[in-house]
Amino acid sequence: MFYRKNFATKDSKSLKVRFDKFDEWKGEDDAKLEINQTKNCYNFSFCKGALTPSYGFEQLALPSTQSDAHTTFNIGATEILKAWYFPMYESYSGEDKHYVFYLAQDMTIYFFNVHEDKFMYESDATFTEIPTGAAFRINSDNDTMFFASSADQTVGLNGLGFQTYENIPKFVSGCWYGPYLFLLTIGDNNELQYSRQRIDIWNFDNVKTAELPDIRGGMTQLVALKDYLYLFTNFGITRLSLYSTNADVAETHIYHSTSYIYPQSIAKSGEEIMFFTDDGLYRLKGSGVEKIELPIIANMTANANNDCSGVCFDGKYFLACKYDFGDSQTVGCESGTYVNNAMVVYDMTTEEFEVVRGIDIRQLFTIQTPKVKKLCALFRGEKKGLIGQLTHDGLFFGTPLAKQWNSAQTDFGYAGNDKCVTEVVVRPHTQGTLTISAETQSQQLQIADSDLSQRFRVRVFGKVFSLSFDCQQTAPHISCPQITVEVFS
């Protein structure tokens, strides 16, 4: 005779959780987040709802005299330490020229014309340290690119060639404001000097030194914006304006910080100036300064960023920096010695952002001519002798960057209940790995390269879950994940 025994079982109900889109990066506590929101993501873009490649770089390509088609060319440098783009009007030829200057490893300035055949011109200017570069117009009609450092003479290049300017002070920054040329001088006697005399006859009998009491640290950068000249110091910003027939300068201190302002992060876009400090990202607009509240600020400011580089391009602020990803992964340049390992891209209109990981960027700069508009970069490491141009394919000179997206942790709205993830459906368009994790269990799923939806049977038990996607392939387009969860009562 057989007796039936009833075993106690938990009641359960099945949930299907579908990602309509991969949502924006959030900084709130996990309890306030949805599973389609990330708290850690690199080399993936999710601004359009799916996971697609983020930014990358390829070798710079430019037009030539014979053709508007953009082709790559060999710079011929072993290492490029710094670069400058400068549009120059040559009065003797009556033409606009567009030059890129660069300082090579031999500490010599080389240059080429953006729109002509790529012949690398070697200047007579050599330096013992990396100089500052700035463009001024002299003699009323000759545009000149000047280079200055504390250990070297100031030199300038225009259509007449390179020459030394012993009467021009060594400067860290300079620009025109109204009819006056303003310069910040180098060294312990860091001063703001200005004159409306022609710069080729600059002499100290005609130069004014601005009396600026209460300057917040050393003066580092000058930026002309609309009706004012903004003077950046180590720990503040002063707005300057000219008044009276004696060309006196009035100053208004508009920003003071206990955090250091990185001068190489300062970048102008339209009527705004972006900059980065030890405690985050800021924008100057009008007469006010506001902090940009990003959920990744702690990662950006976890390290000193004395070698960061910022530039505005196409309505976005690009910042190459050292970023603390807080994991045990090594991506790209992180497998060796590096200075910077990330580029944060902030959309100044939508306030969305992305993080690129694994590229040691030495410097960012732009080329903007009537025919060419490109964001360019110099690098450390294997590509240190090349100039790169921005791409949106997630490749670094043809090699896919490792991409990862991590979800927030979620209890699917049932705090304290035991659960089991039983099924995952995803449409990946690429090969990669999907990991389902709980408190003590996880399961990795190998995704095949297919345009079709893929269904996986899984069994991961826990109370709180998270997902991560990893991909090292080209052109991913991961969309429409769906998770089936059994919730036990």
Protein backbone atom coordinates (compact mmCIF):
# COMPACT_ATOMS: atom_id res chain seq x y z
CA MET A 1 0.00 0.00 0.00
CA PHE A 2 1.33 3.38 -0.96
CA TYR A 3 0.71 6.48 1.12
CA ARG A 4 0.82 9.99 -0.41
CA LYS A 5 2.89 12.53 1.51
CA ASN A 6 2.33 16.24 1.03
CA PHE A 7 5.55 18.31 1.00
CA ALA A 8 5.41 22.02 1.94
CA THR A 9 6.29 24.22 -1.02
CA LYS A 10 6.60 27.96 -1.37
CA ASP A 11 4.02 29.78 -3.42
CA SER A 12 5.54 31.87 -6.18
CA LYS A 13 4.62 34.21 -8.94
CA SER A 14 6.45 34.91 -12.14
CA LEU A 15 7.60 38.38 -13.21
CA LYS A 16 8.84 39.45 -16.61
CA VAL A 17 11.09 42.48 -16.41
CA ARG A 18 11.73 44.07 -19.78
CA PHE A 19 14.24 46.82 -20.59
CA ASP A 20 12.50 49.23 -22.92
CA LYS A 21 15.85 51.01 -22.97
CA PHE A 22 19.13 51.27 -21.15
CA ASP A 23 18.48 54.38 -19.07
CA GLU A 24 20.77 57.15 -17.90
CA TRP A 25 23.59 56.79 -15.40
CA LYS A 26 22.34 57.51 -11.88
CA GLY A 27 24.07 58.30 -8.63
CA GLU A 28 21.29 57.62 -6.13
CA ASP A 29 21.18 54.69 -3.74
CA ASP A 30 20.53 51.35 -5.39
CA ALA A 31 17.17 51.15 -3.64
CA LYS A 32 15.96 54.08 -5.77
CA LEU A 33 17.22 52.71 -9.09
CA GLU A 34 15.74 50.51 -11.75
CA ILE A 35 17.72 47.55 -13.09
CA ASN A 36 18.06 49.24 -16.48
CA GLN A 37 20.03 52.10 -14.89
CA THR A 38 23.78 51.87 -14.48
CA LYS A 39 26.19 52.97 -11.80
CA ASN A 40 29.30 51.89 -13.69
CA CYS A 41 29.76 51.81 -17.45
CA TYR A 42 32.68 52.34 -19.82
CA ASN A 43 33.19 52.31 -23.59
CA PHE A 44 29.46 51.78 -24.10
CA SER A 45 27.09 54.54 -25.17
CA PHE A 46 23.52 54.20 -23.90
CA CYS A 47 22.19 57.66 -24.76
CA LYS A 48 19.93 56.24 -27.50
CA GLY A 49 18.44 53.44 -25.42
CA ALA A 50 20.60 50.54 -26.63
CA LEU A 51 24.19 49.71 -25.72
CA THR A 52 26.31 50.83 -28.66
CA PRO A 53 30.01 51.72 -29.06
CA SER A 54 31.24 54.87 -27.37
CA TYR A 55 34.06 57.06 -28.63
CA GLY A 56 37.44 56.00 -29.96
CA PHE A 57 40.35 57.34 -32.00
CA GLU A 58 41.97 56.70 -35.36
CA GLN A 59 44.89 58.25 -37.20
CA LEU A 60 44.32 61.84 -38.26
CA ALA A 61 43.22 62.22 -41.88
CA LEU A 62 43.14 65.57 -43.70
CA PRO A 63 42.60 66.94 -47.22
CA SER A 64 45.43 67.92 -49.56
CA THR A 65 46.02 70.61 -52.15
CA GLN A 66 44.74 68.32 -54.91
CA SER A 67 41.74 66.75 -53.19
CA ASP A 68 39.15 67.39 -50.49
CA ALA A 69 39.16 63.66 -49.69
CA HIS A 70 40.65 63.04 -46.26
CA THR A 71 43.68 60.76 -46.16
CA THR A 72 46.07 59.74 -43.41
CA PHE A 73 49.72 60.75 -43.49
CA ASN A 74 52.90 60.03 -41.57
CA ILE A 75 53.94 62.71 -39.09
CA GLY A 76 57.34 61.07 -38.80
CA ALA A 77 57.72 61.80 -35.08
CA THR A 78 58.93 59.34 -32.47
CA GLU A 79 56.88 61.12 -29.82
CA ILE A 80 54.73 64.26 -29.84
CA LEU A 81 54.76 66.16 -26.56
CA LYS A 82 52.33 68.98 -27.35
CA ALA A 83 50.33 70.36 -30.28
CA TRP A 84 48.60 73.61 -31.22
CA TYR A 85 46.18 74.48 -34.01
CA PHE A 86 46.28 78.07 -35.29
CA PRO A 87 44.49 79.77 -38.22
CA MET A 88 46.81 82.42 -39.64
CA TYR A 89 46.19 85.28 -42.05
CA GLU A 90 49.27 85.94 -44.18
CA SER A 91 49.23 89.56 -45.30
CA TYR A 92 51.91 89.15 -47.94
CA SER A 93 49.88 86.46 -49.76
CA GLY A 94 46.43 87.69 -48.72
CA GLU A 95 45.44 84.12 -47.77
CA ASP A 96 44.14 82.35 -44.70
CA LYS A 97 46.35 79.46 -43.63
CA HIS A 98 45.56 76.74 -41.12
CA TYR A 99 48.53 75.25 -39.33
CA VAL A 100 49.10 72.52 -36.78
CA PHE A 101 52.28 72.99 -34.78
CA TYR A 102 53.74 70.23 -32.64
CA LEU A 103 56.66 69.77 -30.29
CA ALA A 104 58.51 66.54 -31.03
CA GLN A 105 60.67 64.47 -28.72
CA ASP A 106 63.78 66.33 -29.90
CA MET A 107 62.17 69.51 -28.41
CA THR A 108 61.88 71.11 -31.85
CA ILE A 109 58.73 72.77 -33.21
CA TYR A 110 57.42 71.25 -36.47
CA PHE A 111 54.32 72.31 -38.39
CA PHE A 112 52.14 71.51 -41.40
CA ASN A 113 49.28 73.13 -43.31
CA VAL A 114 45.91 71.45 -42.72
CA HIS A 115 44.68 72.05 -46.28
CA GLU A 116 47.86 71.38 -48.27
CA ASP A 117 50.06 68.41 -49.04
CA LYS A 118 51.43 67.14 -45.77
CA PHE A 119 55.00 68.28 -45.74
CA MET A 120 56.42 68.53 -42.22
CA TYR A 121 58.21 71.83 -41.84
CA GLU A 122 60.99 71.94 -39.26
CA SER A 123 61.39 75.28 -37.52
CA ASP A 124 64.52 76.79 -36.05
CA ALA A 125 62.81 76.86 -32.66
CA THR A 126 64.08 74.37 -30.09
CA PHE A 127 63.29 74.33 -26.38
CA THR A 128 64.61 72.92 -23.15
CA GLU A 129 61.10 72.56 -21.69
CA ILE A 130 57.57 72.35 -23.08
CA PRO A 131 56.50 75.90 -24.01
CA THR A 132 53.21 77.76 -23.85
CA GLY A 133 51.73 78.67 -27.23
CA ALA A 134 49.41 81.56 -28.08
CA ALA A 135 48.40 83.51 -31.18
CA PHE A 136 48.58 87.30 -31.49
CA ARG A 137 48.32 89.68 -34.41
CA ILE A 138 51.30 92.00 -34.79
CA ASN A 139 52.09 94.95 -37.06
CA SER A 140 48.33 95.40 -37.48
CA ASP A 141 48.07 92.64 -40.07
CA ASN A 142 50.51 89.78 -39.41
CA ASP A 143 49.15 86.86 -37.40
CA THR A 144 51.91 85.26 -35.37
CA MET A 145 52.10 82.11 -33.28
CA PHE A 146 54.27 82.67 -30.20
CA PHE A 147 55.96 80.07 -28.00
CA ALA A 148 57.41 80.85 -24.57
CA SER A 149 58.87 78.99 -21.62
CA SER A 150 60.68 80.02 -18.45
CA ALA A 151 63.99 78.59 -19.67
CA ASP A 152 63.88 79.72 -23.31
CA GLN A 153 63.53 82.87 -25.36
CA THR A 154 60.14 83.81 -26.75
CA VAL A 155 59.87 82.98 -30.45
CA GLY A 156 57.19 83.65 -33.02
CA LEU A 157 56.24 82.31 -36.44
CA ASN A 158 54.37 84.13 -39.19
CA GLY A 159 54.56 84.31 -42.97
CA LEU A 160 58.07 85.71 -42.68
CA GLY A 161 59.33 82.69 -40.72
CA PHE A 162 60.48 82.13 -37.13
CA GLN A 163 62.23 84.83 -35.19
CA THR A 164 63.14 85.62 -31.59
CA TYR A 165 61.27 88.37 -29.71
CA GLU A 166 63.49 89.42 -26.83
CA ASN A 167 61.24 92.33 -25.88
CA ILE A 168 58.12 90.18 -25.34
CA PRO A 169 57.82 88.84 -21.79
CA LYS A 170 57.71 85.11 -21.22
CA PHE A 171 54.11 84.18 -20.66
CA VAL A 172 51.86 81.35 -19.49
CA SER A 173 48.75 82.71 -21.20
CA GLY A 174 47.79 85.58 -23.47
CA CYS A 175 44.92 86.96 -25.51
CA TRP A 176 43.50 90.13 -27.03
CA TYR A 177 40.76 91.96 -25.20
CA GLY A 178 39.50 95.03 -27.03
CA PRO A 179 42.51 96.88 -28.48
CA TYR A 180 44.84 95.53 -25.79
CA LEU A 181 47.08 92.53 -25.60
CA PHE A 182 47.06 90.86 -22.16
CA LEU A 183 49.81 88.51 -20.99
CA LEU A 184 50.33 86.52 -17.80
CA THR A 185 54.03 86.39 -17.12
CA ILE A 186 55.93 83.32 -15.98
CA GLY A 187 57.59 82.73 -12.65
CA ASP A 188 57.56 84.07 -9.11
CA ASN A 189 56.71 87.55 -10.40
CA ASN A 190 53.53 86.24 -12.02
CA GLU A 191 51.91 89.45 -13.33
CA LEU A 192 49.11 90.56 -15.61
CA GLN A 193 50.63 92.93 -18.17
CA TYR A 194 48.90 94.59 -21.08
CA SER A 195 49.52 97.13 -23.82
CA ARG A 196 47.85 98.38 -26.96
CA GLN A 197 51.20 99.09 -28.54
CA ARG A 198 52.07 96.97 -31.53
CA ILE A 199 53.59 93.83 -30.12
CA ASP A 200 56.69 94.05 -32.32
CA ILE A 201 57.61 97.30 -30.55
CA TRP A 202 56.42 96.14 -27.12
CA ASN A 203 58.45 97.96 -24.51
CA PHE A 204 58.02 98.39 -20.81
CA ASP A 205 57.60 102.14 -21.02
CA ASN A 206 54.23 101.54 -22.67
CA VAL A 207 53.16 98.42 -20.76
CA LYS A 208 50.73 98.49 -17.87
CA THR A 209 50.76 96.04 -14.97
CA ALA A 210 47.32 95.49 -13.50
CA GLU A 211 47.08 95.97 -9.75
CA LEU A 212 44.94 93.09 -8.61
CA PRO A 213 44.78 92.72 -4.83
CA ASP A 214 43.39 89.58 -3.25
CA ILE A 215 44.32 87.34 -6.19
CA ARG A 216 43.45 83.77 -5.27
CA GLY A 217 46.70 81.95 -5.95
CA GLY A 218 48.94 82.21 -8.99
CA MET A 219 47.42 83.46 -12.26
CA THR A 220 47.17 80.69 -14.85
CA GLN A 221 44.82 81.45 -17.76
CA LEU A 222 43.14 84.31 -19.63
CA VAL A 223 39.89 83.80 -21.56
CA ALA A 224 38.09 86.58 -23.47
CA LEU A 225 34.33 86.06 -23.51
CA LYS A 226 31.83 88.62 -24.81
CA ASP A 227 32.41 91.94 -23.03
CA TYR A 228 34.81 90.68 -20.37
CA LEU A 229 38.20 89.13 -19.84
CA TYR A 230 38.24 86.26 -17.33
CA LEU A 231 41.36 85.70 -15.30
CA PHE A 232 41.73 82.20 -13.86
CA THR A 233 43.92 81.64 -10.83
CA ASN A 234 44.76 78.52 -8.87
CA PHE A 235 41.70 78.93 -6.69
CA GLY A 236 39.41 81.48 -8.26
CA ILE A 237 38.16 83.53 -11.21
CA THR A 238 38.29 87.30 -11.59
CA ARG A 239 36.27 89.15 -14.22
CA LEU A 240 38.15 92.09 -15.75
CA SER A 241 36.91 95.07 -17.73
CA LEU A 242 38.65 98.12 -19.13
CA TYR A 243 37.51 101.63 -18.28
CA SER A 244 38.68 105.25 -18.59
CA THR A 245 40.98 106.80 -21.17
CA ASN A 246 43.94 105.63 -19.09
CA ALA A 247 43.02 102.00 -19.78
CA ASP A 248 42.51 101.16 -16.14
CA VAL A 249 41.29 97.67 -15.28
CA ALA A 250 38.33 97.01 -13.01
CA GLU A 251 38.11 93.60 -11.40
CA THR A 252 35.27 91.61 -9.85
CA HIS A 253 35.99 88.34 -8.09
CA ILE A 254 33.21 86.02 -9.19
CA TYR A 255 34.41 82.65 -7.92
CA HIS A 256 36.51 81.43 -5.02
CA SER A 257 37.29 77.81 -4.24
CA THR A 258 39.35 75.82 -1.78
CA SER A 259 39.89 73.31 -4.60
CA TYR A 260 42.59 73.70 -7.23
CA ILE A 261 41.46 74.68 -10.74
CA TYR A 262 43.35 72.67 -13.37
CA PRO A 263 44.37 75.30 -15.96
CA GLN A 264 44.67 72.79 -18.82
CA SER A 265 41.01 71.83 -18.28
CA ILE A 266 39.70 75.34 -19.06
CA ALA A 267 37.79 75.42 -22.36
CA LYS A 268 35.43 77.90 -24.02
CA SER A 269 32.26 76.98 -25.92
CA GLY A 270 30.03 79.77 -27.21
CA GLU A 271 29.13 81.89 -24.19
CA GLU A 272 30.27 79.36 -21.60
CA ILE A 273 33.58 78.29 -20.07
CA MET A 274 34.03 74.78 -18.69
CA PHE A 275 36.68 73.83 -16.13
CA PHE A 276 37.62 71.01 -13.76
CA THR A 277 38.75 71.26 -10.13
CA ASP A 278 39.75 68.96 -7.32
CA ASP A 279 36.12 68.64 -6.33
CA GLY A 280 34.35 68.43 -9.67
CA LEU A 281 33.24 69.93 -12.95
CA TYR A 282 32.06 73.56 -13.29
CA ARG A 283 30.71 75.93 -15.90
CA LEU A 284 30.95 79.72 -16.06
CA LYS A 285 28.01 81.35 -17.76
CA GLY A 286 27.21 85.02 -17.61
CA SER A 287 28.35 86.35 -14.26
CA GLY A 288 27.90 83.11 -12.33
CA VAL A 289 29.67 79.80 -11.80
CA GLU A 290 27.74 76.61 -11.18
CA LYS A 291 28.83 73.11 -10.30
CA ILE A 292 27.74 70.32 -12.63
CA GLU A 293 26.36 67.58 -10.46
CA LEU A 294 27.40 64.29 -12.02
CA PRO A 295 27.11 60.90 -10.28
CA ILE A 296 30.68 60.12 -11.33
CA ILE A 297 32.33 63.10 -9.60
CA ALA A 298 33.84 60.93 -6.85
CA ASN A 299 35.49 58.73 -9.49
CA MET A 300 36.84 61.79 -11.32
CA THR A 301 38.25 63.49 -8.24
CA ALA A 302 39.65 60.39 -6.50
CA ASN A 303 43.08 61.12 -8.01
CA ALA A 304 45.14 64.25 -8.58
CA ASN A 305 44.63 65.29 -12.19
CA ASN A 306 47.55 67.61 -12.87
CA ASP A 307 47.90 66.09 -16.36
CA CYS A 308 44.23 66.31 -17.38
CA SER A 309 43.26 67.99 -20.65
CA GLY A 310 39.89 69.53 -21.52
CA VAL A 311 38.37 70.89 -24.72
CA CYS A 312 34.90 71.81 -26.00
CA PHE A 313 33.80 70.39 -29.34
CA ASP A 314 30.42 69.93 -31.04
CA GLY A 315 28.45 71.04 -27.97
CA LYS A 316 30.28 68.64 -25.66
CA TYR A 317 33.06 68.96 -23.11
CA PHE A 318 35.77 66.32 -23.41
CA LEU A 319 38.05 65.77 -20.42
CA ALA A 320 40.99 63.36 -20.48
CA CYS A 321 41.78 62.45 -16.89
CA LYS A 322 42.77 59.79 -14.39
CA TYR A 323 39.58 58.04 -13.29
CA ASP A 324 39.07 55.56 -10.47
CA PHE A 325 36.92 52.71 -11.79
CA GLY A 326 37.15 50.88 -8.46
CA ASP A 327 37.41 47.39 -9.91
CA SER A 328 40.10 44.82 -10.59
CA GLN A 329 39.87 45.13 -14.37
CA THR A 330 42.67 46.32 -16.64
CA VAL A 331 41.57 47.91 -19.89
CA GLY A 332 43.89 49.15 -22.63
CA CYS A 333 46.64 51.37 -21.22
CA GLU A 334 45.95 50.16 -17.66
CA SER A 335 47.92 46.98 -18.36
CA GLY A 336 51.12 49.05 -18.19
CA THR A 337 52.35 52.41 -16.93
CA TYR A 338 49.92 55.26 -17.61
CA VAL A 339 49.09 58.81 -16.53
CA ASN A 340 45.50 59.24 -17.75
CA ASN A 341 43.20 56.27 -18.32
CA ALA A 342 39.85 57.83 -19.20
CA MET A 343 37.97 60.46 -21.17
CA VAL A 344 34.71 61.84 -19.77
CA VAL A 345 32.38 63.28 -22.42
CA TYR A 346 29.70 65.66 -21.11
CA ASP A 347 26.89 66.95 -23.36
CA MET A 348 26.48 70.60 -22.38
CA THR A 349 22.85 70.70 -23.57
CA THR A 350 21.33 67.36 -22.55
CA GLU A 351 23.66 66.88 -19.53
CA GLU A 352 24.19 63.25 -20.58
CA PHE A 353 27.68 61.82 -20.38
CA GLU A 354 29.81 58.83 -21.30
CA VAL A 355 33.10 57.45 -20.00
CA VAL A 356 35.83 56.09 -22.27
CA ARG A 357 38.35 53.81 -20.59
CA GLY A 358 41.77 52.48 -21.50
CA ILE A 359 43.37 55.36 -23.47
CA ASP A 360 46.24 57.40 -22.04
CA ILE A 361 45.55 60.79 -23.63
CA ARG A 362 48.31 63.35 -23.26
CA GLN A 363 46.42 66.28 -24.79
CA LEU A 364 43.13 67.12 -26.52
CA PHE A 365 42.86 69.91 -29.10
CA THR A 366 40.61 70.86 -32.01
CA ILE A 367 41.06 71.69 -35.68
CA GLN A 368 38.25 73.90 -37.01
CA THR A 369 38.60 75.27 -40.53
CA PRO A 370 35.92 75.94 -43.19
CA LYS A 371 36.57 72.40 -44.49
CA VAL A 372 37.74 70.47 -41.43
CA LYS A 373 36.22 70.17 -37.96
CA LYS A 374 37.88 67.54 -35.82
CA LEU A 375 38.71 66.80 -32.22
CA CYS A 376 42.29 65.54 -32.04
CA ALA A 377 44.45 63.90 -29.40
CA LEU A 378 48.04 63.11 -28.51
CA PHE A 379 48.82 59.93 -26.59
CA ARG A 380 51.35 58.25 -24.37
CA GLY A 381 52.42 54.67 -24.96
CA GLU A 382 52.39 52.83 -28.25
CA LYS A 383 50.70 55.65 -30.23
CA LYS A 384 52.84 58.46 -28.79
CA GLY A 385 54.16 59.45 -32.24
CA LEU A 386 50.71 59.88 -33.84
CA ILE A 387 47.95 62.46 -33.88
CA GLY A 388 44.53 60.85 -33.46
CA GLN A 389 41.07 62.02 -34.48
CA LEU A 390 37.85 61.27 -32.64
CA THR A 391 35.58 58.44 -33.82
CA HIS A 392 32.34 57.00 -32.49
CA ASP A 393 33.08 53.32 -33.13
CA GLY A 394 34.67 52.24 -29.83
CA LEU A 395 37.97 51.42 -31.56
CA PHE A 396 41.43 52.63 -30.66
CA PHE A 397 43.36 52.65 -33.94
CA GLY A 398 41.37 49.65 -35.16
CA THR A 399 41.40 47.62 -31.91
CA PRO A 400 38.08 47.33 -30.01
CA LEU A 401 38.16 48.74 -26.51
CA ALA A 402 36.79 46.43 -23.80
CA LYS A 403 33.25 47.52 -23.02
CA GLN A 404 31.26 46.93 -19.83
CA TRP A 405 27.85 47.96 -18.52
CA ASN A 406 26.78 47.16 -14.96
CA SER A 407 23.25 47.52 -13.71
CA ALA A 408 22.20 48.80 -10.33
CA GLN A 409 21.23 46.16 -7.78
CA THR A 410 17.51 45.51 -7.54
CA ASP A 411 15.04 43.44 -5.56
CA PHE A 412 12.44 43.82 -8.36
CA GLY A 413 10.13 45.58 -5.91
CA TYR A 414 9.96 42.66 -3.46
CA ALA A 415 12.34 43.50 -0.64
CA GLY A 416 13.13 40.52 1.58
CA ASN A 417 11.54 37.90 -0.69
CA ASP A 418 13.55 34.97 -2.01
CA LYS A 419 13.72 34.96 -5.80
CA CYS A 420 15.13 33.03 -8.70
CA VAL A 421 16.05 34.39 -12.13
CA THR A 422 15.00 31.65 -14.51
CA GLU A 423 15.31 33.10 -17.99
CA VAL A 424 17.02 35.89 -19.92
CA VAL A 425 16.24 37.01 -23.46
CA VAL A 426 18.52 39.47 -25.25
CA ARG A 427 19.17 40.76 -28.75
CA PRO A 428 22.92 41.48 -28.83
CA HIS A 429 24.10 41.93 -32.45
CA THR A 430 27.52 40.94 -31.11
CA GLN A 431 29.50 38.35 -29.18
CA GLY A 432 29.96 38.92 -25.46
CA THR A 433 29.19 37.85 -21.92
CA LEU A 434 26.08 38.47 -19.84
CA THR A 435 26.45 37.88 -16.10
CA ILE A 436 23.53 37.48 -13.67
CA SER A 437 24.60 38.00 -10.05
CA ALA A 438 22.97 37.67 -6.63
CA GLU A 439 24.42 37.81 -3.12
CA THR A 440 26.15 34.42 -3.24
CA GLN A 441 25.51 33.14 -6.77
CA SER A 442 26.21 34.23 -10.31
CA GLN A 443 25.98 32.73 -13.78
CA GLN A 444 27.77 33.78 -16.95
CA LEU A 445 26.06 33.47 -20.31
CA GLN A 446 28.06 33.47 -23.53
CA ILE A 447 26.24 35.51 -26.13
CA ALA A 448 26.65 34.60 -29.79
CA ASP A 449 27.03 37.15 -32.57
CA SER A 450 23.53 37.21 -34.01
CA ASP A 451 20.85 39.70 -35.01
CA LEU A 452 18.19 37.37 -33.56
CA SER A 453 16.94 37.31 -29.98
CA GLN A 454 18.69 34.73 -27.82
CA ARG A 455 16.97 32.92 -24.94
CA PHE A 456 18.88 31.50 -21.97
CA ARG A 457 17.60 29.23 -19.20
CA VAL A 458 19.27 30.14 -15.90
CA ARG A 459 18.88 29.42 -12.17
CA VAL A 460 20.29 32.11 -9.91
CA PHE A 461 18.79 32.36 -6.40
CA GLY A 462 18.93 35.37 -4.11
CA LYS A 463 17.11 38.45 -2.84
CA VAL A 464 18.98 41.19 -4.72
CA PHE A 465 20.25 40.91 -8.31
CA SER A 466 22.36 42.76 -10.87
CA LEU A 467 23.32 42.32 -14.52
CA SER A 468 26.48 43.13 -16.44
CA PHE A 469 27.33 43.04 -20.14
CA ASP A 470 30.94 42.62 -21.30
CA CYS A 471 32.00 42.92 -24.92
CA GLN A 472 35.32 43.25 -26.76
CA GLN A 473 33.90 43.15 -30.27
CA THR A 474 33.19 45.80 -32.86
CA ALA A 475 29.76 47.37 -33.46
CA PRO A 476 27.66 45.97 -30.59
CA HIS A 477 23.99 46.93 -30.45
CA ILE A 478 22.55 45.31 -27.35
CA SER A 479 18.84 45.96 -26.91
CA CYS A 480 15.56 44.72 -25.43
CA PRO A 481 16.76 42.45 -22.57
CA GLN A 482 13.98 40.62 -20.74
CA ILE A 483 14.38 38.81 -17.41
CA THR A 484 11.98 36.25 -15.95
CA VAL A 485 11.99 36.14 -12.17
CA GLU A 486 10.19 33.78 -9.79
CA VAL A 487 9.27 35.57 -6.56
CA PHE A 488 8.58 33.27 -3.57
CA SER A 489 6.17 34.25 -0.81
